[in-house]
Amino acid sequence: MTQNKNQLIDILIGNLTNAIVHTILEKSIDKQELVSKYRNEVINSYSIAKRYREKINPIDRCLPTVDLNYIKEKLKTKIKVELCLRINKGYQNINLDLVDIEIDNALKLLNIT
């Protein structure tokens, strides 16, 4: 069961990373046609993350502190790496200070904290 739980947590982290990156990109862009594409990606990633969250443990209980700390650290690392790659590709107005705020919002949304 432990191995399966770890795999579920890794998939959850991947989808949350994608959702949070696109949320931050959505806030940094001015073009309306791109904002709607980012919004669709955020909605899709959150819905997938929610399904995996429900598979990890009952949704009415928070995750154990060990898992919570692991998820937070992995999210922070993966999101910053992805945003830095985007900045290197020429994306502008990306605010890296939003990472911690968006992580907290996402964890609350999925009842992980």
C-alpha atoms as a PDB file:
ATOM      1  CA  MET A   1       0.000   0.000   0.000  1.00  0.00           C
ATOM      2  CA  THR A   2       2.847   2.413   0.761  1.00  0.00           C
ATOM      3  CA  GLN A   3       4.222   2.221  -2.753  1.00  0.00           C
ATOM      4  CA  ASN A   4       0.771   2.794  -4.203  1.00  0.00           C
ATOM      5  CA  LYS A   5       0.218   5.773  -1.884  1.00  0.00           C
ATOM      6  CA  ASN A   6       3.547   7.288  -2.920  1.00  0.00           C
ATOM      7  CA  GLN A   7       2.620   6.931  -6.581  1.00  0.00           C
ATOM      8  CA  LEU A   8      -0.739   8.582  -5.954  1.00  0.00           C
ATOM      9  CA  ILE A   9       0.967  11.457  -4.134  1.00  0.00           C
ATOM     10  CA  ASP A  10       3.430  11.915  -7.013  1.00  0.00           C
ATOM     11  CA  ILE A  11       0.574  12.065  -9.541  1.00  0.00           C
ATOM     12  CA  LEU A  12      -1.251  14.524  -7.283  1.00  0.00           C
ATOM     13  CA  ILE A  13       1.886  16.690  -7.118  1.00  0.00           C
ATOM     14  CA  GLY A  14       2.244  16.651 -10.899  1.00  0.00           C
ATOM     15  CA  ASN A  15      -1.321  17.812 -11.459  1.00  0.00           C
ATOM     16  CA  LEU A  16      -1.147  20.455  -8.734  1.00  0.00           C
ATOM     17  CA  THR A  17       2.116  21.726 -10.210  1.00  0.00           C
ATOM     18  CA  ASN A  18       0.480  22.090 -13.599  1.00  0.00           C
ATOM     19  CA  ALA A  19      -2.552  23.853 -12.125  1.00  0.00           C
ATOM     20  CA  ILE A  20      -0.503  26.288 -10.050  1.00  0.00           C
ATOM     21  CA  VAL A  21       1.921  27.086 -12.892  1.00  0.00           C
ATOM     22  CA  HIS A  22      -0.982  27.887 -15.193  1.00  0.00           C
ATOM     23  CA  THR A  23      -2.671  29.969 -12.486  1.00  0.00           C
ATOM     24  CA  ILE A  24       0.468  32.084 -12.153  1.00  0.00           C
ATOM     25  CA  LEU A  25       0.848  32.309 -15.939  1.00  0.00           C
ATOM     26  CA  GLU A  26      -2.786  33.368 -16.212  1.00  0.00           C
ATOM     27  CA  LYS A  27      -2.107  36.267 -13.853  1.00  0.00           C
ATOM     28  CA  SER A  28       0.955  37.343 -15.835  1.00  0.00           C
ATOM     29  CA  ILE A  29      -0.552  37.510 -19.319  1.00  0.00           C
ATOM     30  CA  ASP A  30      -2.599  40.218 -21.023  1.00  0.00           C
ATOM     31  CA  LYS A  31      -3.898  38.323 -24.061  1.00  0.00           C
ATOM     32  CA  GLN A  32      -7.465  37.187 -23.413  1.00  0.00           C
ATOM     33  CA  GLU A  33      -7.290  34.170 -25.756  1.00  0.00           C
ATOM     34  CA  LEU A  34      -4.351  32.754 -23.798  1.00  0.00           C
ATOM     35  CA  VAL A  35      -5.992  33.456 -20.447  1.00  0.00           C
ATOM     36  CA  SER A  36      -8.935  31.234 -21.364  1.00  0.00           C
ATOM     37  CA  LYS A  37      -6.598  28.398 -22.407  1.00  0.00           C
ATOM     38  CA  TYR A  38      -4.684  28.696 -19.130  1.00  0.00           C
ATOM     39  CA  ARG A  39      -7.984  28.724 -17.201  1.00  0.00           C
ATOM     40  CA  ASN A  40      -9.123  25.515 -18.951  1.00  0.00           C
ATOM     41  CA  GLU A  41      -5.815  23.863 -18.092  1.00  0.00           C
ATOM     42  CA  VAL A  42      -6.162  24.922 -14.444  1.00  0.00           C
ATOM     43  CA  ILE A  43      -9.695  23.512 -14.202  1.00  0.00           C
ATOM     44  CA  ASN A  44      -8.677  20.226 -15.810  1.00  0.00           C
ATOM     45  CA  SER A  45      -5.598  19.772 -13.614  1.00  0.00           C
ATOM     46  CA  TYR A  46      -7.512  20.568 -10.419  1.00  0.00           C
ATOM     47  CA  SER A  47     -10.224  18.058 -11.269  1.00  0.00           C
ATOM     48  CA  ILE A  48      -7.647  15.322 -11.852  1.00  0.00           C
ATOM     49  CA  ALA A  49      -5.777  16.280  -8.674  1.00  0.00           C
ATOM     50  CA  LYS A  50      -9.018  16.122  -6.706  1.00  0.00           C
ATOM     51  CA  ARG A  51      -9.673  12.553  -7.877  1.00  0.00           C
ATOM     52  CA  TYR A  52      -6.197  11.463  -6.792  1.00  0.00           C
ATOM     53  CA  ARG A  53      -6.578  13.292  -3.483  1.00  0.00           C
ATOM     54  CA  GLU A  54      -9.712  11.256  -2.802  1.00  0.00           C
ATOM     55  CA  LYS A  55      -7.807   8.036  -3.506  1.00  0.00           C
ATOM     56  CA  ILE A  56      -5.042   8.809  -0.987  1.00  0.00           C
ATOM     57  CA  ASN A  57      -7.226   8.967   2.140  1.00  0.00           C
ATOM     58  CA  PRO A  58     -10.778  10.021   3.061  1.00  0.00           C
ATOM     59  CA  ILE A  59     -11.512  13.525   1.846  1.00  0.00           C
ATOM     60  CA  ASP A  60     -12.920  14.627   5.205  1.00  0.00           C
ATOM     61  CA  ARG A  61      -9.528  14.144   6.886  1.00  0.00           C
ATOM     62  CA  CYS A  62      -6.336  16.079   6.278  1.00  0.00           C
ATOM     63  CA  LEU A  63      -3.221  14.288   5.164  1.00  0.00           C
ATOM     64  CA  PRO A  64      -0.554  13.364   7.728  1.00  0.00           C
ATOM     65  CA  THR A  65       2.052  16.047   8.440  1.00  0.00           C
ATOM     66  CA  VAL A  66       4.822  13.993   6.837  1.00  0.00           C
ATOM     67  CA  ASP A  67       2.922  13.763   3.554  1.00  0.00           C
ATOM     68  CA  LEU A  68       1.915  17.422   3.744  1.00  0.00           C
ATOM     69  CA  ASN A  69       5.516  18.606   4.159  1.00  0.00           C
ATOM     70  CA  TYR A  70       6.675  16.335   1.333  1.00  0.00           C
ATOM     71  CA  ILE A  71       3.949  17.656  -0.976  1.00  0.00           C
ATOM     72  CA  LYS A  72       4.704  21.307  -0.153  1.00  0.00           C
ATOM     73  CA  GLU A  73       8.444  20.954  -0.763  1.00  0.00           C
ATOM     74  CA  LYS A  74       8.014  19.033  -4.016  1.00  0.00           C
ATOM     75  CA  LEU A  75       5.437  21.525  -5.263  1.00  0.00           C
ATOM     76  CA  LYS A  76       7.623  24.506  -4.452  1.00  0.00           C
ATOM     77  CA  THR A  77      10.624  22.988  -6.230  1.00  0.00           C
ATOM     78  CA  LYS A  78       8.758  21.809  -9.324  1.00  0.00           C
ATOM     79  CA  ILE A  79       6.793  25.033  -9.753  1.00  0.00           C
ATOM     80  CA  LYS A  80       9.837  27.273  -9.442  1.00  0.00           C
ATOM     81  CA  VAL A  81      11.771  25.133 -11.931  1.00  0.00           C
ATOM     82  CA  GLU A  82       8.908  25.236 -14.434  1.00  0.00           C
ATOM     83  CA  LEU A  83       8.421  28.984 -14.069  1.00  0.00           C
ATOM     84  CA  CYS A  84      12.159  29.618 -14.444  1.00  0.00           C
ATOM     85  CA  LEU A  85      12.115  27.571 -17.650  1.00  0.00           C
ATOM     86  CA  ARG A  86       9.246  29.716 -18.896  1.00  0.00           C
ATOM     87  CA  ILE A  87      11.126  32.902 -17.997  1.00  0.00           C
ATOM     88  CA  ASN A  88      14.169  31.626 -19.902  1.00  0.00           C
ATOM     89  CA  LYS A  89      11.914  31.002 -22.919  1.00  0.00           C
ATOM     90  CA  GLY A  90      10.926  34.673 -22.893  1.00  0.00           C
ATOM     91  CA  TYR A  91       7.739  34.750 -20.823  1.00  0.00           C
ATOM     92  CA  GLN A  92       7.382  38.073 -19.033  1.00  0.00           C
ATOM     93  CA  ASN A  93       5.678  39.423 -15.910  1.00  0.00           C
ATOM     94  CA  ILE A  94       5.888  36.101 -14.044  1.00  0.00           C
ATOM     95  CA  ASN A  95       5.796  36.757 -10.313  1.00  0.00           C
ATOM     96  CA  LEU A  96       7.684  34.043  -8.408  1.00  0.00           C
ATOM     97  CA  ASP A  97       6.438  35.505  -5.125  1.00  0.00           C
ATOM     98  CA  LEU A  98       3.009  34.036  -5.890  1.00  0.00           C
ATOM     99  CA  VAL A  99       4.288  30.461  -5.614  1.00  0.00           C
ATOM    100  CA  ASP A 100       3.832  30.063  -1.855  1.00  0.00           C
ATOM    101  CA  ILE A 101       0.444  31.784  -1.878  1.00  0.00           C
ATOM    102  CA  GLU A 102      -0.864  29.614  -4.707  1.00  0.00           C
ATOM    103  CA  ILE A 103       0.463  26.437  -3.067  1.00  0.00           C
ATOM    104  CA  ASP A 104      -1.407  27.275   0.133  1.00  0.00           C
ATOM    105  CA  ASN A 105      -4.581  28.057  -1.821  1.00  0.00           C
ATOM    106  CA  ALA A 106      -4.373  24.781  -3.749  1.00  0.00           C
ATOM    107  CA  LEU A 107      -3.773  22.708  -0.619  1.00  0.00           C
ATOM    108  CA  LYS A 108      -6.760  24.306   1.095  1.00  0.00           C
ATOM    109  CA  LEU A 109      -8.923  23.794  -1.972  1.00  0.00           C
ATOM    110  CA  LEU A 110      -8.231  20.059  -1.977  1.00  0.00           C
ATOM    111  CA  ASN A 111      -8.452  19.733   1.834  1.00  0.00           C
ATOM    112  CA  ILE A 112      -4.831  18.640   2.089  1.00  0.00           C
ATOM    113  CA  THR A 113      -4.003  21.052   4.917  1.00  0.00           C
END
